[in-house]
Each structure stands twice: as structure tokens, then as C-alpha cells.
Amino acid sequence: MVSVCGSDVRGPSCPPWRVRPKPTVPWWWAVLLLWCCCTQTRSEACAAAEGDDGTALLLCRSCGHEVTTGADLNPVRSPLALSHRNDSRLGDEPLHVQVLQNPHGHRFEVITFKAADVAKRWPADGGSSWFPGFAWTVASCPRCGAHLGWGFQPSEWPLTVPESRFVDSERTFVALIAGRLLREDLAPRLLVPRSYSS
């Protein structure tokens, strides 16, 4: 049915551009939908971004592998950081982000964690470490191999150590590149349905 100039019949006194279709969905459906979306509590809205223990999950941006959680944050400050800031990207957990530069001039925004599911590439290198007293090794995603950051171990350790020793020690940590991680709650927004791909 078409509404024209206040009537249901198109007459000669009404120009054609004034013809508008009647809405097919009642207006109150839109109000009901808006009300349902707005009444969701903060805890319900954040539940998708949290793991079983109530902490945000971080994924590899390249493949979606679960790398670490907010519970594993470990703010280790580097005296060689060009800058640092506190961020709140992981819900209630304070997030310490540092900008570090390697000898080649490449800058990285890193976040330090006490544990992460990454593959370390030994032997470790004691030179040019951002954290004095620690040797570093490249850390990559165990699923896709993307470079995610670096693992740091005490300099007095042997350059190659068993993975279990690295994981079990209180003296080790990983520095992950912020731009190569993705919060789990943001991942569905970045996926493109197959029907849209060519």
C-alpha cells in the first residue's frame, strides 16, 4: 500500500515524488530492540571479552591463536624505553605500554607478561637487551609463526634452556608487541563473511 499526500490513492493533485512507501515494520519494534540492547548490564557486555577466570583474552592478530590473558600481565619497566603510558585496553587490568627501539631504529609498543603461549627461538642473545640483566629470544605464534615479541631470561642462564625451565621460573617474562595482539571481544568485528569475499 502506498501513502500519497495523506490518502491511500494517488491523485492528480499530488506530485509523484511525494509518494512514499508505508513502513512494513511497526515503529514499536525498533523501540523494543533498542530497549533490549540498552538494558544489558556491563558484566554481561564484558563477558564475551573475558576468559573463564574473568580476565580478557589476547589473540594473535594473524591467526586468532589464544596467546595470553590479562591475568598474566607483569609490568616490567625498561630503563631504555623511549616512552611509556598506562592504558586500559584489558578491562579492569591496568596495562603498561612501553615504546622501545632496536639498534636498527625500529620502534615497538610492547606489553610485558609473566606467561604467554609463544614459541621461543633459542639460543638467547645477551646483546642489545632492552632489559639490563636479561638475555632475549624471539617469540612467535606457535600456530602461524608470526613474530609476536620476545622472551626474556636472566643473563646468567645458559643461552639455550628447556621450555619448562623458562615457563616455571619467576624470573622470566615475555614482551609482546601490542599491535600484533587482538582482544578476543574485538575479533568477531574484524571477520568478513565468506559471502562478502570475491
N, C-alpha and C. Protein backbone atom coordinates (compact mmCIF):
# COMPACT_ATOMS: atom_id res chain seq x y z
N MET A 1 0.85 -1.17 0.00
CA MET A 1 0.00 0.00 0.00
C MET A 1 0.89 1.23 0.00
N VAL A 2 0.54 2.22 -0.77
CA VAL A 2 1.33 3.43 -0.90
C VAL A 2 0.53 4.60 -0.35
N SER A 3 1.18 5.44 0.46
CA SER A 3 0.54 6.62 1.02
C SER A 3 0.90 7.82 0.17
N VAL A 4 -0.12 8.55 -0.28
CA VAL A 4 0.11 9.70 -1.12
C VAL A 4 -0.63 10.89 -0.53
N CYS A 5 0.11 11.89 -0.19
CA CYS A 5 -0.49 13.14 0.27
C CYS A 5 -1.58 12.92 1.29
N GLY A 6 -1.40 11.95 2.17
CA GLY A 6 -2.35 11.71 3.25
C GLY A 6 -3.46 10.75 2.88
N SER A 7 -3.51 10.23 1.66
CA SER A 7 -4.54 9.25 1.30
C SER A 7 -3.87 8.01 0.75
N ASP A 8 -4.65 6.96 0.59
CA ASP A 8 -4.11 5.71 0.06
C ASP A 8 -4.21 5.63 -1.45
N VAL A 9 -4.76 6.61 -2.07
CA VAL A 9 -4.93 6.62 -3.52
C VAL A 9 -4.13 7.78 -4.09
N ARG A 10 -3.42 7.52 -5.17
CA ARG A 10 -2.64 8.57 -5.81
C ARG A 10 -3.55 9.39 -6.70
N GLY A 11 -3.59 10.66 -6.44
CA GLY A 11 -4.47 11.53 -7.23
C GLY A 11 -3.66 12.48 -8.08
N PRO A 12 -4.32 13.17 -9.01
CA PRO A 12 -3.62 14.08 -9.91
C PRO A 12 -3.06 15.30 -9.20
N SER A 13 -3.57 15.64 -8.01
CA SER A 13 -3.09 16.84 -7.31
C SER A 13 -1.79 16.59 -6.54
N CYS A 14 -1.35 15.37 -6.47
CA CYS A 14 -0.16 15.02 -5.68
C CYS A 14 0.98 14.65 -6.63
N PRO A 15 2.14 15.34 -6.55
CA PRO A 15 3.26 15.01 -7.44
C PRO A 15 3.83 13.63 -7.11
N PRO A 16 4.44 12.95 -8.09
CA PRO A 16 4.95 11.59 -7.89
C PRO A 16 6.09 11.50 -6.87
N TRP A 17 6.87 12.55 -6.70
CA TRP A 17 7.99 12.47 -5.74
C TRP A 17 7.51 12.49 -4.29
N ARG A 18 6.25 12.80 -4.05
CA ARG A 18 5.71 12.79 -2.70
C ARG A 18 5.21 11.41 -2.29
N VAL A 19 5.27 10.46 -3.21
CA VAL A 19 4.82 9.11 -2.90
C VAL A 19 5.88 8.44 -2.03
N ARG A 20 5.48 7.89 -0.92
CA ARG A 20 6.42 7.20 -0.04
C ARG A 20 5.79 5.89 0.43
N PRO A 21 6.60 4.84 0.51
CA PRO A 21 6.05 3.56 0.96
C PRO A 21 5.74 3.60 2.45
N LYS A 22 4.70 2.87 2.82
CA LYS A 22 4.37 2.74 4.24
C LYS A 22 5.40 1.82 4.88
N PRO A 23 5.78 2.07 6.14
CA PRO A 23 6.72 1.18 6.80
C PRO A 23 6.13 -0.22 6.96
N THR A 24 6.97 -1.23 6.72
CA THR A 24 6.49 -2.61 6.84
C THR A 24 6.66 -3.14 8.25
N VAL A 25 7.51 -2.54 9.05
CA VAL A 25 7.73 -2.95 10.43
C VAL A 25 7.17 -1.87 11.34
N PRO A 26 6.36 -2.25 12.31
CA PRO A 26 5.82 -1.22 13.22
C PRO A 26 6.94 -0.51 13.97
N TRP A 27 6.74 0.76 14.28
CA TRP A 27 7.74 1.58 14.96
C TRP A 27 8.10 1.03 16.32
N TRP A 28 7.17 0.37 16.98
CA TRP A 28 7.44 -0.10 18.34
C TRP A 28 8.43 -1.26 18.35
N TRP A 29 8.63 -1.95 17.20
CA TRP A 29 9.67 -3.00 17.13
C TRP A 29 11.05 -2.38 17.31
N ALA A 30 11.28 -1.24 16.68
CA ALA A 30 12.57 -0.55 16.81
C ALA A 30 12.81 -0.11 18.25
N VAL A 31 11.76 0.38 18.92
CA VAL A 31 11.88 0.79 20.31
C VAL A 31 12.20 -0.42 21.19
N LEU A 32 11.52 -1.53 20.96
CA LEU A 32 11.77 -2.75 21.74
C LEU A 32 13.20 -3.25 21.54
N LEU A 33 13.68 -3.25 20.31
CA LEU A 33 15.05 -3.68 20.03
C LEU A 33 16.06 -2.79 20.72
N LEU A 34 15.87 -1.48 20.66
CA LEU A 34 16.76 -0.54 21.31
C LEU A 34 16.75 -0.74 22.83
N TRP A 35 15.58 -0.95 23.40
CA TRP A 35 15.48 -1.16 24.85
C TRP A 35 16.23 -2.43 25.26
N CYS A 36 16.09 -3.51 24.50
CA CYS A 36 16.79 -4.77 24.83
C CYS A 36 18.30 -4.60 24.80
N CYS A 37 18.79 -3.85 23.81
CA CYS A 37 20.24 -3.64 23.70
C CYS A 37 20.77 -2.77 24.83
N CYS A 38 20.00 -1.79 25.25
CA CYS A 38 20.48 -0.83 26.25
C CYS A 38 20.36 -1.34 27.67
N THR A 39 19.54 -2.37 27.92
CA THR A 39 19.38 -2.86 29.29
C THR A 39 20.39 -3.93 29.66
N GLN A 40 21.27 -4.29 28.75
CA GLN A 40 22.31 -5.27 29.05
C GLN A 40 23.29 -4.66 30.05
N THR A 41 23.59 -5.39 31.11
CA THR A 41 24.49 -4.86 32.13
C THR A 41 25.93 -4.89 31.65
N ARG A 42 26.81 -4.13 32.33
CA ARG A 42 28.22 -4.09 31.96
C ARG A 42 28.85 -5.46 32.07
N SER A 43 28.50 -6.22 33.10
CA SER A 43 29.10 -7.54 33.27
C SER A 43 28.69 -8.48 32.15
N GLU A 44 27.46 -8.36 31.66
CA GLU A 44 27.04 -9.19 30.53
C GLU A 44 27.77 -8.78 29.26
N ALA A 45 27.92 -7.48 29.07
CA ALA A 45 28.58 -6.98 27.86
C ALA A 45 30.05 -7.36 27.83
N CYS A 46 30.70 -7.40 28.99
CA CYS A 46 32.13 -7.72 29.05
C CYS A 46 32.39 -9.21 29.09
N ALA A 47 31.37 -10.02 29.30
CA ALA A 47 31.57 -11.46 29.45
C ALA A 47 32.19 -12.07 28.20
N ALA A 48 31.86 -11.55 27.03
CA ALA A 48 32.42 -12.09 25.79
C ALA A 48 33.91 -11.86 25.70
N ALA A 49 34.41 -10.82 26.35
CA ALA A 49 35.83 -10.49 26.28
C ALA A 49 36.63 -11.12 27.39
N GLU A 50 36.00 -11.88 28.24
CA GLU A 50 36.70 -12.42 29.39
C GLU A 50 36.81 -13.93 29.31
N GLY A 51 37.87 -14.45 29.86
CA GLY A 51 38.07 -15.88 29.94
C GLY A 51 37.28 -16.46 31.09
N ASP A 52 37.49 -17.75 31.36
CA ASP A 52 36.77 -18.41 32.44
C ASP A 52 37.08 -17.82 33.80
N ASP A 53 38.28 -17.27 33.98
CA ASP A 53 38.66 -16.71 35.27
C ASP A 53 38.39 -15.21 35.35
N GLY A 54 37.65 -14.66 34.40
CA GLY A 54 37.26 -13.26 34.45
C GLY A 54 38.29 -12.29 33.90
N THR A 55 39.22 -12.77 33.08
CA THR A 55 40.23 -11.88 32.51
C THR A 55 40.14 -11.89 30.99
N ALA A 56 40.51 -10.78 30.38
CA ALA A 56 40.43 -10.64 28.93
C ALA A 56 41.46 -11.53 28.24
N LEU A 57 41.06 -12.13 27.14
CA LEU A 57 41.95 -12.96 26.34
C LEU A 57 42.56 -12.12 25.22
N LEU A 58 43.84 -12.37 24.94
CA LEU A 58 44.52 -11.72 23.82
C LEU A 58 44.88 -12.79 22.80
N LEU A 59 44.61 -12.49 21.55
CA LEU A 59 44.83 -13.43 20.45
C LEU A 59 45.92 -12.92 19.52
N CYS A 60 46.51 -13.86 18.78
CA CYS A 60 47.42 -13.49 17.69
C CYS A 60 46.57 -12.80 16.63
N ARG A 61 46.97 -11.61 16.20
CA ARG A 61 46.19 -10.87 15.22
C ARG A 61 46.22 -11.57 13.86
N SER A 62 47.25 -12.38 13.58
CA SER A 62 47.35 -13.04 12.28
C SER A 62 46.44 -14.25 12.14
N CYS A 63 46.33 -15.07 13.21
CA CYS A 63 45.58 -16.31 13.07
C CYS A 63 44.52 -16.54 14.13
N GLY A 64 44.48 -15.74 15.19
CA GLY A 64 43.47 -15.90 16.23
C GLY A 64 43.84 -16.86 17.34
N HIS A 65 45.08 -17.33 17.37
CA HIS A 65 45.53 -18.24 18.44
C HIS A 65 45.49 -17.51 19.78
N GLU A 66 44.98 -18.17 20.84
CA GLU A 66 44.95 -17.58 22.17
C GLU A 66 46.36 -17.52 22.73
N VAL A 67 46.88 -16.30 22.91
CA VAL A 67 48.27 -16.11 23.31
C VAL A 67 48.40 -15.95 24.83
N THR A 68 47.59 -15.08 25.43
CA THR A 68 47.73 -14.81 26.86
C THR A 68 46.44 -14.19 27.39
N THR A 69 46.41 -13.91 28.68
CA THR A 69 45.25 -13.27 29.31
C THR A 69 45.71 -12.06 30.12
N GLY A 70 44.76 -11.26 30.51
CA GLY A 70 45.05 -10.11 31.35
C GLY A 70 45.60 -10.51 32.71
N ALA A 71 45.29 -11.71 33.17
CA ALA A 71 45.80 -12.18 34.46
C ALA A 71 47.31 -12.37 34.44
N ASP A 72 47.89 -12.52 33.25
CA ASP A 72 49.33 -12.74 33.13
C ASP A 72 50.13 -11.45 32.95
N LEU A 73 49.47 -10.30 33.04
CA LEU A 73 50.20 -9.04 32.93
C LEU A 73 51.28 -8.94 34.00
N ASN A 74 52.44 -8.43 33.60
CA ASN A 74 53.57 -8.28 34.51
C ASN A 74 54.31 -7.00 34.09
N PRO A 75 54.00 -5.87 34.70
CA PRO A 75 54.60 -4.61 34.24
C PRO A 75 56.08 -4.47 34.60
N VAL A 76 56.94 -4.94 33.70
CA VAL A 76 58.39 -4.81 33.88
C VAL A 76 58.81 -3.56 33.11
N ARG A 77 59.34 -2.57 33.81
CA ARG A 77 59.76 -1.32 33.16
C ARG A 77 61.17 -1.44 32.62
N SER A 78 61.35 -0.91 31.43
CA SER A 78 62.67 -0.88 30.82
C SER A 78 63.27 0.51 31.01
N PRO A 79 64.52 0.60 31.48
CA PRO A 79 65.16 1.91 31.58
C PRO A 79 65.49 2.49 30.21
N LEU A 80 65.40 1.68 29.17
CA LEU A 80 65.71 2.14 27.81
C LEU A 80 64.46 2.51 27.02
N ALA A 81 63.29 2.52 27.66
CA ALA A 81 62.05 2.86 26.97
C ALA A 81 62.07 4.32 26.53
N LEU A 82 61.67 4.57 25.30
CA LEU A 82 61.57 5.94 24.80
C LEU A 82 60.41 6.66 25.46
N SER A 83 59.35 5.92 25.71
CA SER A 83 58.19 6.46 26.43
C SER A 83 57.39 5.30 26.99
N HIS A 84 56.51 5.62 27.91
CA HIS A 84 55.61 4.60 28.45
C HIS A 84 54.32 5.29 28.87
N ARG A 85 53.26 4.49 28.87
CA ARG A 85 51.95 5.02 29.25
C ARG A 85 51.12 3.89 29.86
N ASN A 86 50.13 4.29 30.63
CA ASN A 86 49.17 3.33 31.15
C ASN A 86 47.95 3.36 30.24
N ASP A 87 47.46 2.20 29.94
CA ASP A 87 46.32 2.05 29.06
C ASP A 87 45.28 1.19 29.77
N SER A 88 44.09 1.15 29.27
CA SER A 88 43.05 0.34 29.90
C SER A 88 42.36 -0.54 28.88
N ARG A 89 43.11 -1.12 27.97
CA ARG A 89 42.53 -1.93 26.91
C ARG A 89 42.07 -3.30 27.37
N LEU A 90 42.42 -3.72 28.58
CA LEU A 90 42.05 -5.06 29.04
C LEU A 90 41.03 -4.99 30.18
N GLY A 91 40.04 -4.15 30.05
CA GLY A 91 39.01 -4.07 31.08
C GLY A 91 39.53 -3.43 32.34
N ASP A 92 39.46 -4.15 33.46
CA ASP A 92 39.86 -3.60 34.76
C ASP A 92 41.36 -3.68 35.00
N GLU A 93 42.08 -4.47 34.22
CA GLU A 93 43.51 -4.63 34.42
C GLU A 93 44.27 -3.42 33.88
N PRO A 94 45.12 -2.78 34.71
CA PRO A 94 45.94 -1.68 34.17
C PRO A 94 46.98 -2.25 33.20
N LEU A 95 47.20 -1.56 32.13
CA LEU A 95 48.06 -2.04 31.07
C LEU A 95 49.20 -1.05 30.86
N HIS A 96 50.44 -1.51 31.10
CA HIS A 96 51.62 -0.66 30.95
C HIS A 96 52.21 -0.90 29.56
N VAL A 97 52.18 0.13 28.71
CA VAL A 97 52.69 0.03 27.34
C VAL A 97 53.96 0.86 27.25
N GLN A 98 55.03 0.26 26.69
CA GLN A 98 56.31 0.95 26.53
C GLN A 98 56.68 1.01 25.05
N VAL A 99 57.31 2.09 24.65
CA VAL A 99 57.83 2.20 23.29
C VAL A 99 59.33 1.95 23.38
N LEU A 100 59.78 0.90 22.68
CA LEU A 100 61.19 0.51 22.68
C LEU A 100 61.72 0.54 21.26
N GLN A 101 63.01 0.84 21.12
CA GLN A 101 63.62 0.93 19.79
C GLN A 101 64.81 -0.02 19.73
N ASN A 102 64.87 -0.80 18.65
CA ASN A 102 66.01 -1.72 18.48
C ASN A 102 67.18 -0.99 17.82
N PRO A 103 68.35 -1.62 17.74
CA PRO A 103 69.52 -0.95 17.16
C PRO A 103 69.35 -0.53 15.70
N HIS A 104 68.37 -1.12 15.00
CA HIS A 104 68.13 -0.76 13.60
C HIS A 104 67.16 0.41 13.45
N GLY A 105 66.68 0.95 14.57
CA GLY A 105 65.79 2.10 14.54
C GLY A 105 64.31 1.76 14.48
N HIS A 106 63.97 0.47 14.52
CA HIS A 106 62.56 0.07 14.51
C HIS A 106 61.97 0.22 15.90
N ARG A 107 60.80 0.85 15.98
CA ARG A 107 60.15 1.07 17.27
C ARG A 107 58.99 0.10 17.45
N PHE A 108 58.82 -0.34 18.69
CA PHE A 108 57.77 -1.29 19.03
C PHE A 108 57.07 -0.84 20.30
N GLU A 109 55.74 -0.90 20.31
CA GLU A 109 54.98 -0.72 21.54
C GLU A 109 54.80 -2.11 22.13
N VAL A 110 55.34 -2.32 23.33
CA VAL A 110 55.30 -3.64 23.93
C VAL A 110 54.58 -3.62 25.28
N ILE A 111 54.03 -4.78 25.60
CA ILE A 111 53.37 -5.03 26.89
C ILE A 111 54.05 -6.27 27.46
N THR A 112 54.39 -6.25 28.74
CA THR A 112 55.10 -7.38 29.34
C THR A 112 54.13 -8.29 30.10
N PHE A 113 54.35 -9.59 29.96
CA PHE A 113 53.53 -10.62 30.60
C PHE A 113 54.44 -11.63 31.28
N LYS A 114 53.97 -12.24 32.37
CA LYS A 114 54.76 -13.28 33.02
C LYS A 114 54.67 -14.59 32.26
N ALA A 115 53.62 -14.78 31.48
CA ALA A 115 53.47 -16.02 30.71
C ALA A 115 52.67 -15.74 29.45
N ALA A 116 52.98 -16.49 28.39
CA ALA A 116 52.25 -16.41 27.13
C ALA A 116 52.51 -17.68 26.34
N ASP A 117 51.54 -18.10 25.56
CA ASP A 117 51.70 -19.30 24.73
C ASP A 117 52.38 -18.89 23.43
N VAL A 118 53.71 -18.79 23.48
CA VAL A 118 54.51 -18.41 22.32
C VAL A 118 55.65 -19.41 22.16
N ALA A 119 56.15 -19.53 20.94
CA ALA A 119 57.31 -20.37 20.67
C ALA A 119 58.55 -19.50 20.74
N LYS A 120 59.51 -19.91 21.59
CA LYS A 120 60.76 -19.15 21.71
C LYS A 120 61.81 -19.75 20.79
N ARG A 121 62.64 -18.88 20.20
CA ARG A 121 63.68 -19.33 19.27
C ARG A 121 65.04 -19.18 19.94
N TRP A 122 65.54 -20.26 20.54
CA TRP A 122 66.84 -20.21 21.18
C TRP A 122 67.92 -20.44 20.15
N PRO A 123 69.15 -20.03 20.38
CA PRO A 123 69.72 -19.53 21.63
C PRO A 123 69.35 -18.07 21.87
N ALA A 124 69.35 -17.71 23.15
CA ALA A 124 69.07 -16.33 23.54
C ALA A 124 70.27 -15.45 23.21
N ASP A 125 70.01 -14.16 23.09
CA ASP A 125 71.05 -13.19 22.77
C ASP A 125 71.16 -12.21 23.94
N GLY A 126 72.35 -12.07 24.48
CA GLY A 126 72.56 -11.17 25.61
C GLY A 126 72.85 -9.74 25.20
N GLY A 127 73.09 -9.49 23.93
CA GLY A 127 73.43 -8.14 23.47
C GLY A 127 72.19 -7.33 23.11
N SER A 128 72.32 -6.03 23.23
CA SER A 128 71.25 -5.08 22.86
C SER A 128 69.92 -5.40 23.53
N SER A 129 69.95 -5.76 24.79
CA SER A 129 68.71 -6.07 25.52
C SER A 129 68.09 -4.78 26.06
N TRP A 130 66.76 -4.68 25.93
CA TRP A 130 66.04 -3.53 26.48
C TRP A 130 65.94 -3.61 28.00
N PHE A 131 66.17 -4.80 28.54
CA PHE A 131 66.07 -5.02 29.98
C PHE A 131 67.44 -5.49 30.47
N PRO A 132 68.24 -4.58 31.05
CA PRO A 132 69.58 -4.96 31.52
C PRO A 132 69.49 -6.13 32.51
N GLY A 133 70.45 -7.07 32.34
CA GLY A 133 70.45 -8.27 33.18
C GLY A 133 69.65 -9.41 32.59
N PHE A 134 69.07 -9.21 31.41
CA PHE A 134 68.26 -10.25 30.76
C PHE A 134 68.73 -10.45 29.33
N ALA A 135 68.75 -11.71 28.91
CA ALA A 135 69.00 -12.07 27.51
C ALA A 135 67.64 -12.27 26.84
N TRP A 136 67.58 -12.06 25.55
CA TRP A 136 66.30 -12.15 24.85
C TRP A 136 66.33 -13.21 23.77
N THR A 137 65.15 -13.69 23.44
CA THR A 137 64.96 -14.61 22.33
C THR A 137 63.67 -14.24 21.62
N VAL A 138 63.60 -14.47 20.34
CA VAL A 138 62.40 -14.13 19.56
C VAL A 138 61.25 -15.03 20.00
N ALA A 139 60.06 -14.45 20.15
CA ALA A 139 58.85 -15.19 20.49
C ALA A 139 57.86 -15.06 19.34
N SER A 140 57.37 -16.19 18.88
CA SER A 140 56.43 -16.17 17.75
C SER A 140 55.20 -17.00 18.08
N CYS A 141 54.18 -16.85 17.26
CA CYS A 141 52.94 -17.60 17.44
C CYS A 141 53.20 -19.07 17.13
N PRO A 142 52.81 -19.97 18.02
CA PRO A 142 53.05 -21.40 17.75
C PRO A 142 52.18 -21.95 16.62
N ARG A 143 51.11 -21.26 16.25
CA ARG A 143 50.24 -21.75 15.20
C ARG A 143 50.69 -21.26 13.82
N CYS A 144 50.86 -19.94 13.66
CA CYS A 144 51.16 -19.39 12.32
C CYS A 144 52.59 -18.92 12.16
N GLY A 145 53.35 -18.82 13.25
CA GLY A 145 54.75 -18.40 13.17
C GLY A 145 54.96 -16.90 13.12
N ALA A 146 53.91 -16.11 13.26
CA ALA A 146 54.06 -14.64 13.22
C ALA A 146 54.89 -14.17 14.41
N HIS A 147 55.77 -13.20 14.16
CA HIS A 147 56.59 -12.64 15.24
C HIS A 147 55.69 -11.82 16.16
N LEU A 148 55.61 -12.22 17.44
CA LEU A 148 54.75 -11.55 18.41
C LEU A 148 55.52 -10.72 19.42
N GLY A 149 56.82 -11.01 19.59
CA GLY A 149 57.60 -10.26 20.58
C GLY A 149 58.87 -11.01 20.95
N TRP A 150 59.23 -10.93 22.24
CA TRP A 150 60.48 -11.50 22.72
C TRP A 150 60.29 -12.11 24.10
N GLY A 151 61.03 -13.18 24.36
CA GLY A 151 61.08 -13.77 25.69
C GLY A 151 62.37 -13.32 26.37
N PHE A 152 62.31 -13.02 27.66
CA PHE A 152 63.49 -12.55 28.40
C PHE A 152 63.77 -13.49 29.56
N GLN A 153 65.05 -13.87 29.66
CA GLN A 153 65.52 -14.76 30.72
C GLN A 153 66.75 -14.13 31.34
N PRO A 154 67.09 -14.51 32.59
CA PRO A 154 68.28 -13.94 33.23
C PRO A 154 69.54 -14.18 32.39
N SER A 155 70.41 -13.18 32.34
CA SER A 155 71.64 -13.28 31.53
C SER A 155 72.57 -14.37 32.00
N GLU A 156 72.54 -14.71 33.29
CA GLU A 156 73.45 -15.74 33.80
C GLU A 156 73.03 -17.15 33.42
N TRP A 157 71.84 -17.32 32.87
CA TRP A 157 71.39 -18.64 32.42
C TRP A 157 72.14 -19.03 31.15
N PRO A 158 72.18 -20.33 30.85
CA PRO A 158 72.73 -20.75 29.54
C PRO A 158 71.87 -20.15 28.42
N LEU A 159 72.46 -19.97 27.25
CA LEU A 159 71.74 -19.34 26.15
C LEU A 159 70.58 -20.19 25.63
N THR A 160 70.65 -21.50 25.84
CA THR A 160 69.55 -22.39 25.46
C THR A 160 69.08 -23.11 26.71
N VAL A 161 67.79 -22.96 27.01
CA VAL A 161 67.21 -23.61 28.20
C VAL A 161 65.98 -24.40 27.79
N PRO A 162 65.62 -25.42 28.56
CA PRO A 162 64.37 -26.14 28.27
C PRO A 162 63.17 -25.21 28.45
N GLU A 163 62.17 -25.43 27.64
CA GLU A 163 60.95 -24.62 27.72
C GLU A 163 60.35 -24.67 29.12
N SER A 164 60.38 -25.82 29.75
CA SER A 164 59.79 -25.96 31.09
C SER A 164 60.51 -25.07 32.11
N ARG A 165 61.82 -24.91 31.98
CA ARG A 165 62.55 -24.04 32.91
C ARG A 165 62.14 -22.59 32.71
N PHE A 166 61.97 -22.19 31.45
CA PHE A 166 61.55 -20.81 31.16
C PHE A 166 60.15 -20.55 31.73
N VAL A 167 59.23 -21.47 31.50
CA VAL A 167 57.84 -21.29 31.92
C VAL A 167 57.71 -21.31 33.44
N ASP A 168 58.45 -22.19 34.10
CA ASP A 168 58.31 -22.37 35.56
C ASP A 168 59.02 -21.31 36.38
N SER A 169 59.91 -20.55 35.77
CA SER A 169 60.70 -19.58 36.52
C SER A 169 59.91 -18.29 36.80
N GLU A 170 60.13 -17.72 37.99
CA GLU A 170 59.55 -16.43 38.34
C GLU A 170 60.38 -15.28 37.77
N ARG A 171 61.55 -15.58 37.22
CA ARG A 171 62.47 -14.54 36.76
C ARG A 171 62.36 -14.29 35.26
N THR A 172 61.50 -14.99 34.56
CA THR A 172 61.35 -14.82 33.12
C THR A 172 60.07 -14.05 32.81
N PHE A 173 60.03 -13.44 31.64
CA PHE A 173 58.82 -12.75 31.17
C PHE A 173 58.89 -12.62 29.66
N VAL A 174 57.78 -12.25 29.06
CA VAL A 174 57.72 -12.00 27.62
C VAL A 174 57.24 -10.58 27.39
N ALA A 175 57.78 -9.95 26.37
CA ALA A 175 57.36 -8.61 25.94
C ALA A 175 56.70 -8.79 24.57
N LEU A 176 55.39 -8.56 24.50
CA LEU A 176 54.65 -8.78 23.27
C LEU A 176 54.31 -7.45 22.60
N ILE A 177 54.35 -7.43 21.29
CA ILE A 177 54.08 -6.23 20.51
C ILE A 177 52.58 -5.98 20.51
N ALA A 178 52.18 -4.82 21.01
CA ALA A 178 50.75 -4.51 21.19
C ALA A 178 49.98 -4.59 19.88
N GLY A 179 50.55 -4.13 18.79
CA GLY A 179 49.85 -4.13 17.51
C GLY A 179 49.67 -5.49 16.88
N ARG A 180 50.31 -6.51 17.43
CA ARG A 180 50.20 -7.86 16.88
C ARG A 180 49.28 -8.73 17.72
N LEU A 181 48.63 -8.11 18.71
CA LEU A 181 47.67 -8.80 19.55
C LEU A 181 46.28 -8.23 19.31
N LEU A 182 45.28 -9.03 19.60
CA LEU A 182 43.90 -8.62 19.40
C LEU A 182 43.07 -9.13 20.57
N ARG A 183 42.27 -8.24 21.15
CA ARG A 183 41.36 -8.68 22.22
C ARG A 183 40.31 -9.59 21.62
N GLU A 184 39.98 -10.65 22.36
CA GLU A 184 39.04 -11.63 21.84
C GLU A 184 37.68 -11.02 21.51
N ASP A 185 37.21 -10.06 22.30
CA ASP A 185 35.89 -9.48 22.05
C ASP A 185 35.86 -8.65 20.77
N LEU A 186 37.02 -8.23 20.25
CA LEU A 186 37.06 -7.46 19.01
C LEU A 186 37.19 -8.34 17.77
N ALA A 187 37.57 -9.59 17.93
CA ALA A 187 37.81 -10.48 16.80
C ALA A 187 36.59 -10.65 15.90
N PRO A 188 35.37 -10.87 16.42
CA PRO A 188 34.23 -11.05 15.51
C PRO A 188 33.95 -9.84 14.64
N ARG A 189 34.30 -8.65 15.09
CA ARG A 189 34.06 -7.44 14.31
C ARG A 189 34.99 -7.34 13.11
N LEU A 190 36.11 -8.05 13.15
CA LEU A 190 37.09 -7.96 12.08
C LEU A 190 36.95 -9.07 11.05
N LEU A 191 36.12 -10.07 11.34
CA LEU A 191 35.95 -11.18 10.41
C LEU A 191 34.99 -10.79 9.30
N VAL A 192 35.32 -11.17 8.09
CA VAL A 192 34.49 -10.86 6.94
C VAL A 192 33.78 -12.14 6.50
N PRO A 193 32.45 -12.12 6.43
CA PRO A 193 31.74 -13.32 5.99
C PRO A 193 32.18 -13.74 4.59
N ARG A 194 32.17 -15.05 4.33
CA ARG A 194 32.61 -15.56 3.03
C ARG A 194 31.77 -15.01 1.89
N SER A 195 30.49 -14.72 2.16
CA SER A 195 29.63 -14.19 1.10
C SER A 195 30.10 -12.83 0.61
N TYR A 196 30.90 -12.09 1.42
CA TYR A 196 31.41 -10.78 1.01
C TYR A 196 32.73 -10.87 0.25
N SER A 197 33.42 -11.99 0.37
CA SER A 197 34.72 -12.10 -0.32
C SER A 197 34.51 -12.48 -1.77
N SER A 198 35.45 -12.07 -2.60
CA SER A 198 35.30 -12.36 -4.03
C SER A 198 36.07 -13.57 -4.44
